[in-house]
N, C-alpha and C. Protein backbone atom coordinates (compact mmCIF):
# COMPACT_ATOMS: atom_id res chain seq x y z
N MET A 1 5.10 -14.89 -12.56
CA MET A 1 5.48 -13.69 -12.07
C MET A 1 5.69 -13.97 -10.37
N ASN A 2 6.73 -13.56 -9.99
CA ASN A 2 6.80 -13.74 -8.66
C ASN A 2 6.52 -12.09 -7.86
N MET A 3 5.31 -12.93 -7.16
CA MET A 3 4.41 -11.62 -6.18
C MET A 3 5.05 -11.59 -4.85
N LYS A 4 6.20 -10.84 -4.49
CA LYS A 4 6.63 -10.50 -3.22
C LYS A 4 5.77 -9.39 -2.54
N ILE A 5 5.59 -9.15 -1.50
CA ILE A 5 4.81 -8.31 -0.70
C ILE A 5 5.93 -7.06 -0.91
N ASN A 6 5.34 -6.19 -1.34
CA ASN A 6 5.98 -4.62 -1.68
C ASN A 6 5.16 -3.65 -0.83
N ALA A 7 4.16 -3.84 -0.31
CA ALA A 7 3.31 -2.76 0.69
C ALA A 7 3.37 -3.01 1.79
N GLY A 8 3.89 -2.07 2.54
CA GLY A 8 3.93 -2.20 4.27
C GLY A 8 2.62 -1.84 4.74
N THR A 9 2.52 -2.15 6.18
CA THR A 9 1.12 -2.14 6.85
C THR A 9 0.62 -0.73 6.57
N PRO A 10 1.23 0.70 7.06
CA PRO A 10 0.49 1.71 6.78
C PRO A 10 -0.11 2.14 5.39
N ASP A 11 0.54 1.66 4.49
CA ASP A 11 0.40 1.84 3.02
C ASP A 11 -0.94 0.95 2.78
N ARG A 12 -0.93 -0.28 3.10
CA ARG A 12 -2.00 -1.36 3.02
C ARG A 12 -3.41 -0.51 3.71
N VAL A 13 -3.32 -0.21 4.68
CA VAL A 13 -4.49 0.14 5.58
C VAL A 13 -5.12 1.43 4.64
N VAL A 14 -4.21 2.27 4.25
CA VAL A 14 -4.63 3.54 3.48
C VAL A 14 -5.49 3.05 2.35
N ARG A 15 -4.63 1.93 1.75
CA ARG A 15 -5.33 1.63 0.30
C ARG A 15 -6.94 0.83 0.54
N VAL A 16 -6.69 0.26 1.83
CA VAL A 16 -8.30 -0.50 2.05
C VAL A 16 -9.18 0.52 2.11
N ILE A 17 -8.80 1.58 3.25
CA ILE A 17 -9.90 2.44 3.69
C ILE A 17 -10.03 3.34 2.27
N VAL A 18 -9.16 4.04 1.79
CA VAL A 18 -9.61 4.81 0.26
C VAL A 18 -10.17 3.84 -0.63
N GLY A 19 -10.09 2.68 -0.86
CA GLY A 19 -10.79 1.90 -1.65
C GLY A 19 -12.27 1.52 -1.06
N LEU A 20 -12.40 1.24 0.12
CA LEU A 20 -13.66 1.04 0.84
C LEU A 20 -14.70 2.23 0.51
N GLY A 21 -13.93 3.60 0.71
CA GLY A 21 -14.52 5.03 0.60
C GLY A 21 -15.04 5.14 -1.04
N LEU A 22 -14.50 4.64 -1.66
CA LEU A 22 -14.92 4.86 -3.27
C LEU A 22 -15.75 3.89 -3.55
N ILE A 23 -15.56 2.96 -2.99
CA ILE A 23 -16.87 1.79 -3.32
C ILE A 23 -18.27 2.31 -2.74
N ALA A 24 -17.89 2.82 -1.30
CA ALA A 24 -19.54 3.22 -0.79
C ALA A 24 -19.88 4.57 -1.66
N LEU A 25 -19.15 5.28 -1.97
CA LEU A 25 -19.40 6.57 -3.17
C LEU A 25 -20.08 6.26 -4.01
N ALA A 26 -19.59 5.04 -4.62
CA ALA A 26 -19.89 4.62 -5.99
C ALA A 26 -21.33 3.83 -5.76
N ALA A 27 -21.40 3.19 -4.58
CA ALA A 27 -22.58 2.24 -4.30
C ALA A 27 -23.93 3.18 -4.14
N THR A 28 -23.78 4.41 -3.45
CA THR A 28 -24.56 5.47 -3.08
C THR A 28 -25.08 6.45 -4.33
N GLY A 29 -24.14 6.07 -5.26
CA GLY A 29 -24.58 7.26 -6.68
C GLY A 29 -23.76 8.62 -6.26
N THR A 30 -23.07 8.62 -5.50
CA THR A 30 -22.36 10.15 -5.21
C THR A 30 -21.13 10.33 -6.55
N VAL A 31 -20.63 9.52 -6.79
CA VAL A 31 -19.01 9.67 -7.90
C VAL A 31 -19.89 8.84 -8.84
N GLY A 32 -20.41 8.18 -9.16
CA GLY A 32 -20.51 7.44 -10.64
C GLY A 32 -20.09 6.43 -10.62
N ALA A 33 -20.05 5.52 -11.80
CA ALA A 33 -19.37 4.22 -11.66
C ALA A 33 -17.85 4.09 -11.49
N TRP A 34 -17.19 5.10 -12.00
CA TRP A 34 -15.80 5.19 -11.87
C TRP A 34 -15.27 4.97 -10.40
N GLY A 35 -16.29 5.13 -9.40
CA GLY A 35 -15.83 4.87 -7.99
C GLY A 35 -15.46 3.31 -7.69
N TRP A 36 -16.12 2.63 -8.65
CA TRP A 36 -16.13 1.17 -8.29
C TRP A 36 -14.37 0.63 -8.67
N ILE A 37 -13.70 1.71 -9.22
CA ILE A 37 -12.22 1.41 -9.45
C ILE A 37 -11.58 1.29 -7.89
N GLY A 38 -12.14 1.27 -6.65
CA GLY A 38 -11.97 1.17 -5.43
C GLY A 38 -11.63 -0.29 -5.09
N VAL A 39 -11.95 -0.92 -5.74
CA VAL A 39 -11.98 -2.16 -5.41
C VAL A 39 -10.32 -2.84 -5.89
N VAL A 40 -9.90 -1.91 -6.58
CA VAL A 40 -8.39 -2.13 -7.07
C VAL A 40 -7.58 -2.06 -5.68
N PRO A 41 -7.22 -0.79 -5.01
CA PRO A 41 -6.75 -0.50 -4.02
C PRO A 41 -7.28 -1.59 -2.92
N VAL A 42 -8.40 -2.03 -2.88
CA VAL A 42 -8.88 -2.88 -1.46
C VAL A 42 -8.08 -4.34 -1.90
N LEU A 43 -8.31 -4.54 -3.11
CA LEU A 43 -7.38 -5.90 -3.43
C LEU A 43 -6.01 -5.88 -3.21
N THR A 44 -5.18 -4.69 -3.75
CA THR A 44 -3.92 -4.64 -3.61
C THR A 44 -3.27 -4.82 -2.14
N GLY A 45 -4.40 -3.55 -1.17
CA GLY A 45 -3.88 -3.61 0.03
C GLY A 45 -4.16 -4.87 0.88
N ALA A 46 -5.40 -5.83 0.24
CA ALA A 46 -5.64 -7.06 1.23
C ALA A 46 -4.33 -8.18 0.75
N VAL A 47 -3.76 -7.98 -0.28
CA VAL A 47 -2.83 -8.90 -0.78
C VAL A 47 -1.32 -8.36 -0.20
N GLY A 48 -1.09 -7.19 -0.20
CA GLY A 48 0.12 -6.48 0.23
C GLY A 48 1.02 -6.21 -1.00
N PHE A 49 0.50 -6.58 -2.43
CA PHE A 49 1.31 -6.42 -3.57
C PHE A 49 0.83 -5.48 -4.39
N CYS A 50 1.42 -4.56 -4.89
CA CYS A 50 1.08 -3.76 -5.86
C CYS A 50 1.96 -3.90 -7.18
N PRO A 51 1.34 -4.15 -8.66
CA PRO A 51 1.93 -4.06 -9.69
C PRO A 51 2.61 -2.88 -10.15
N ALA A 52 2.03 -1.92 -9.77
CA ALA A 52 2.93 -0.44 -10.20
C ALA A 52 4.14 -0.42 -9.34
N TYR A 53 4.22 -0.46 -8.26
CA TYR A 53 5.07 -0.44 -7.26
C TYR A 53 6.27 -1.40 -7.81
N THR A 54 5.72 -2.52 -8.30
CA THR A 54 6.91 -3.35 -8.87
C THR A 54 7.61 -2.82 -10.03
N LEU A 55 6.84 -1.93 -10.98
CA LEU A 55 7.31 -1.22 -12.05
C LEU A 55 8.23 -0.14 -11.93
N LEU A 56 7.79 0.46 -10.82
CA LEU A 56 8.65 1.58 -10.42
C LEU A 56 9.71 1.51 -9.59
N GLY A 57 9.67 0.25 -9.12
CA GLY A 57 10.65 -0.08 -8.32
C GLY A 57 10.74 0.37 -6.93
N ILE A 58 9.35 0.41 -6.34
CA ILE A 58 9.37 1.20 -4.89
C ILE A 58 8.66 -0.03 -4.17
N ASN A 59 9.11 -0.04 -2.73
CA ASN A 59 8.74 -1.04 -1.88
C ASN A 59 8.77 -0.44 -0.35
N THR A 60 7.40 -0.22 -0.13
CA THR A 60 7.19 0.11 1.47
C THR A 60 7.15 -0.69 2.45
N CYS A 61 7.59 -1.89 2.15
CA CYS A 61 7.15 -3.01 3.19
C CYS A 61 8.96 -3.03 4.04
N LYS A 62 8.62 -3.00 5.35
CA LYS A 62 10.05 -2.82 5.88
C LYS A 62 10.91 -4.09 5.75
N THR A 63 10.30 -5.28 5.70
CA THR A 63 10.90 -6.33 5.70
C THR A 63 10.60 -7.02 4.12
N SER A 64 11.90 -7.54 3.72
CA SER A 64 11.79 -8.06 2.58
C SER A 64 10.95 -9.30 2.77
N SER A 65 10.16 -10.02 1.77
CA SER A 65 9.58 -11.29 1.88
C SER A 65 10.00 -12.05 0.75
């Protein structure tokens, strides 16, 4: 599988912020265990690759790598 960066910087920042927010809510027991799904956007934001974007043909990265 070829993992080219397909998430741009603003997209990645939003993913990490939302993911960390969900993890924090799950850790405090506010939203329950489903909040740990926040790990997924944190990882995709950190790596810059989103498998769903590949399937949908979306690329928010300004330059192709």
